């Protein structure tokens, strides 16, 4: 992918995997607090958590969650039935991707995890 704006620092970390912990709205709120503290990223608003609440296909039930960062944001999609999550940390600030991976894996008790940094 061509970098169209090399003068703007952007760091994106995509993490996907299967988890074993129980995930609820409160779990996601706690995770956002946990991960932003561990990565020293600053928020400027409360997390926004949406639950599909029975709408749509049964296999797609779960959560969409976002927390705004002063330097961009973190988004998580959760498929509850599959116990699968997909998360992207998108920032204009530096952060340690190894800490992001290890802390996410331990928080959600993930059994399989993949990631891509770009």
Protein backbone atom coordinates (compact mmCIF):
# COMPACT_ATOMS: atom_id res chain seq x y z
CA UNK A 1 0.00 0.00 0.00
CA UNK A 2 1.41 3.36 -0.97
CA UNK A 3 1.76 5.85 1.89
CA UNK A 4 -0.21 8.83 0.61
CA UNK A 5 0.63 11.02 3.60
CA UNK A 6 4.16 10.22 4.81
CA UNK A 7 4.24 13.48 6.77
CA UNK A 8 1.49 12.14 9.08
CA UNK A 9 2.64 9.47 11.55
CA UNK A 10 0.12 6.62 11.75
CA UNK A 11 0.44 3.25 13.44
CA UNK A 12 -2.15 0.53 13.06
CA UNK A 13 -2.17 -2.82 14.82
CA UNK A 14 -4.78 -5.40 13.85
CA UNK A 15 -5.27 -8.23 16.35
CA UNK A 16 -7.62 -11.15 15.79
CA UNK A 17 -8.17 -14.37 17.65
CA UNK A 18 -10.25 -16.72 19.71
CA UNK A 19 -10.86 -16.00 23.39
CA UNK A 20 -12.06 -18.06 26.36
CA UNK A 21 -13.15 -15.37 28.84
CA UNK A 22 -16.77 -14.23 29.10
CA UNK A 23 -17.26 -10.93 27.29
CA UNK A 24 -19.92 -8.40 28.24
CA UNK A 25 -20.31 -4.65 27.92
CA UNK A 26 -18.51 -4.24 31.26
CA UNK A 27 -15.68 -6.52 30.10
CA UNK A 28 -15.08 -4.26 27.11
CA UNK A 29 -15.16 -1.10 29.24
CA UNK A 30 -12.63 -2.70 31.62
CA UNK A 31 -10.46 -3.77 28.68
CA UNK A 32 -10.33 -0.27 27.19
CA UNK A 33 -9.22 1.11 30.56
CA UNK A 34 -6.68 -1.71 30.94
CA UNK A 35 -5.14 -1.46 27.46
CA UNK A 36 -4.97 2.35 27.31
CA UNK A 37 -3.22 2.43 30.69
CA UNK A 38 -0.76 -0.29 29.67
CA UNK A 39 0.03 1.43 26.35
CA UNK A 40 0.03 4.93 27.87
CA UNK A 41 -2.62 6.10 25.40
CA UNK A 42 -4.96 8.88 26.47
CA UNK A 43 -8.72 8.83 25.93
CA UNK A 44 -10.93 11.88 25.60
CA UNK A 45 -14.33 10.24 25.87
CA UNK A 46 -16.12 7.25 27.28
CA UNK A 47 -16.17 3.94 25.40
CA UNK A 48 -19.11 3.37 23.08
CA UNK A 49 -20.42 -0.21 23.23
CA UNK A 50 -23.15 -1.59 20.98
CA UNK A 51 -24.68 -5.04 21.28
CA UNK A 52 -26.46 -6.62 18.34
CA UNK A 53 -29.21 -7.60 20.79
CA UNK A 54 -30.68 -10.35 18.63
CA UNK A 55 -30.79 -8.33 15.43
CA UNK A 56 -29.28 -9.87 12.30
CA UNK A 57 -27.85 -13.34 11.85
CA UNK A 58 -27.34 -15.47 14.94
CA UNK A 59 -23.70 -16.17 14.03
CA UNK A 60 -22.97 -12.42 14.00
CA UNK A 61 -24.28 -11.70 17.51
CA UNK A 62 -21.86 -9.86 19.75
CA UNK A 63 -20.47 -6.38 20.26
CA UNK A 64 -19.03 -3.41 18.42
CA UNK A 65 -16.97 -1.22 20.72
CA UNK A 66 -14.90 1.91 20.30
CA UNK A 67 -12.93 4.21 22.55
CA UNK A 68 -11.70 7.57 21.25
CA UNK A 69 -8.05 8.35 21.84
CA UNK A 70 -6.54 11.80 21.78
CA UNK A 71 -4.38 10.35 19.01
CA UNK A 72 -7.19 8.36 17.21
CA UNK A 73 -9.01 5.28 18.56
CA UNK A 74 -9.41 1.58 19.31
CA UNK A 75 -12.18 -0.54 17.78
CA UNK A 76 -13.19 -4.09 18.77
CA UNK A 77 -15.69 -6.41 17.10
CA UNK A 78 -16.75 -9.47 19.10
CA UNK A 79 -18.54 -12.53 17.73
CA UNK A 80 -19.90 -14.00 20.98
CA UNK A 81 -20.97 -17.39 19.62
CA UNK A 82 -17.60 -18.04 18.00
CA UNK A 83 -15.69 -16.45 20.89
CA UNK A 84 -13.73 -14.50 18.28
CA UNK A 85 -12.60 -10.89 18.30
CA UNK A 86 -11.06 -8.48 15.83
CA UNK A 87 -9.45 -5.31 17.14
CA UNK A 88 -7.59 -2.43 15.58
CA UNK A 89 -5.53 0.10 17.47
CA UNK A 90 -5.15 3.13 15.22
CA UNK A 91 -2.98 5.94 16.53
CA UNK A 92 -0.91 8.91 15.52
CA UNK A 93 1.22 8.16 18.60
CA UNK A 94 3.84 5.52 19.21
CA UNK A 95 2.96 2.49 21.34
CA UNK A 96 4.61 -0.86 22.05
CA UNK A 97 2.88 -3.46 19.89
CA UNK A 98 4.36 -6.37 21.87
CA UNK A 99 2.74 -5.06 25.04
CA UNK A 100 -0.54 -4.60 23.13
CA UNK A 101 -0.39 -8.22 21.95
CA UNK A 102 0.55 -9.78 25.28
CA UNK A 103 -1.90 -7.71 27.33
CA UNK A 104 -4.78 -8.36 24.91
CA UNK A 105 -4.01 -12.08 24.83
CA UNK A 106 -3.88 -12.34 28.62
CA UNK A 107 -6.94 -10.14 29.27
CA UNK A 108 -9.22 -12.13 26.95
CA UNK A 109 -7.50 -15.47 27.71
CA UNK A 110 -6.91 -16.00 24.00
CA UNK A 111 -6.07 -19.47 22.72
CA UNK A 112 -5.16 -18.37 19.18
CA UNK A 113 -4.02 -14.93 18.09
CA UNK A 114 -2.81 -13.34 14.86
CA UNK A 115 -1.75 -9.77 14.21
CA UNK A 116 -0.55 -7.38 11.56
CA UNK A 117 1.23 -4.08 12.08
CA UNK A 118 1.02 -1.44 9.38
